Protein backbone atom coordinates (compact mmCIF):
# COMPACT_ATOMS: atom_id res chain seq x y z
CA UNK A 1 109.38 87.27 92.33
CA UNK A 2 106.52 89.64 91.46
CA UNK A 3 106.32 93.08 93.06
CA UNK A 4 104.24 93.24 96.23
CA UNK A 5 102.32 96.28 97.49
CA UNK A 6 101.47 96.81 101.16
CA UNK A 7 99.66 99.67 102.91
CA UNK A 8 101.49 101.63 105.65
CA UNK A 9 100.71 104.57 107.91
CA UNK A 10 103.61 107.01 108.29
CA UNK A 11 104.51 109.74 110.78
CA UNK A 12 106.18 112.83 109.23
CA UNK A 13 109.94 112.20 109.10
CA UNK A 14 113.09 113.49 107.36
CA UNK A 15 114.92 110.84 105.29
CA UNK A 16 117.27 110.58 102.30
CA UNK A 17 115.84 109.11 99.10
CA UNK A 18 117.59 106.72 96.71
CA UNK A 19 119.64 109.56 95.18
CA UNK A 20 120.81 110.81 98.59
CA UNK A 21 118.58 113.88 98.50
CA UNK A 22 117.09 114.79 101.92
CA UNK A 23 113.29 114.74 101.75
CA UNK A 24 110.47 115.01 104.26
CA UNK A 25 108.02 112.13 104.29
CA UNK A 26 104.52 113.49 104.90
CA UNK A 27 102.38 111.76 107.47
CA UNK A 28 99.45 109.62 106.39
CA UNK A 29 98.69 106.49 104.43
CA UNK A 30 100.92 105.19 101.65
CA UNK A 31 101.26 102.16 99.40
CA UNK A 32 104.76 100.64 99.54
CA UNK A 33 105.82 98.50 96.56
CA UNK A 34 108.90 96.30 96.80
CA UNK A 35 110.34 93.33 94.96
CA UNK A 36 109.79 92.42 91.34
CA UNK A 37 113.34 93.37 90.35
CA UNK A 38 113.05 96.92 91.68
CA UNK A 39 116.27 98.27 93.22
CA UNK A 40 114.37 100.54 95.59
CA UNK A 41 111.10 100.71 97.52
CA UNK A 42 108.42 102.87 95.92
CA UNK A 43 106.36 104.81 98.50
CA UNK A 44 103.21 106.47 97.14
CA UNK A 45 101.29 108.67 99.59
CA UNK A 46 97.56 108.70 98.94
CA UNK A 47 95.31 111.75 98.90
CA UNK A 48 91.53 111.95 98.90
CA UNK A 49 89.85 109.32 96.76
CA UNK A 50 93.11 107.32 96.45
CA UNK A 51 94.73 110.02 94.29
CA UNK A 52 98.52 110.19 94.38
CA UNK A 53 99.65 112.96 96.71
CA UNK A 54 103.42 112.35 96.64
CA UNK A 55 105.83 109.61 95.53
CA UNK A 56 109.23 108.66 96.95
CA UNK A 57 111.88 106.11 96.03
CA UNK A 58 113.71 104.84 99.14
CA UNK A 59 116.58 102.41 99.50
CA UNK A 60 115.62 98.82 100.21
CA UNK A 61 114.96 98.20 103.88
CA UNK A 62 114.31 101.83 104.87
CA UNK A 63 110.58 101.30 105.35
CA UNK A 64 111.26 98.29 107.57
CA UNK A 65 113.72 100.35 109.64
CA UNK A 66 111.10 103.10 110.02
CA UNK A 67 108.65 100.41 111.11
CA UNK A 68 111.09 99.10 113.75
CA UNK A 69 111.56 102.54 115.35
CA UNK A 70 107.85 103.38 115.25
CA UNK A 71 107.64 105.94 112.41
CA UNK A 72 105.70 103.58 110.13
CA UNK A 73 103.14 100.86 110.83
CA UNK A 74 101.76 98.29 108.43
CA UNK A 75 97.99 98.29 107.90
CA UNK A 76 96.22 94.96 107.47
CA UNK A 77 94.45 94.51 104.15
CA UNK A 78 90.65 94.74 104.27
CA UNK A 79 90.09 91.11 103.23
CA UNK A 80 92.91 89.41 105.17
CA UNK A 81 92.95 88.35 108.80
């Protein structure tokens, strides 16, 4: 299965990354890549002009859990309905 990237909007939140290190997720927009044989979810927060502001590696399913409790929300792609 190829890797899939989706756009999310995050609220600032403290979480542990893949290595168990506590980190603070900044608020804002991020691209989340999962699948494709990756053992983690790659979260890349975007800065002005789609530059990379910060990158995190989270355990699988953490972004979905954040979405369930309201700390992350998926953004619809520009061309999809």
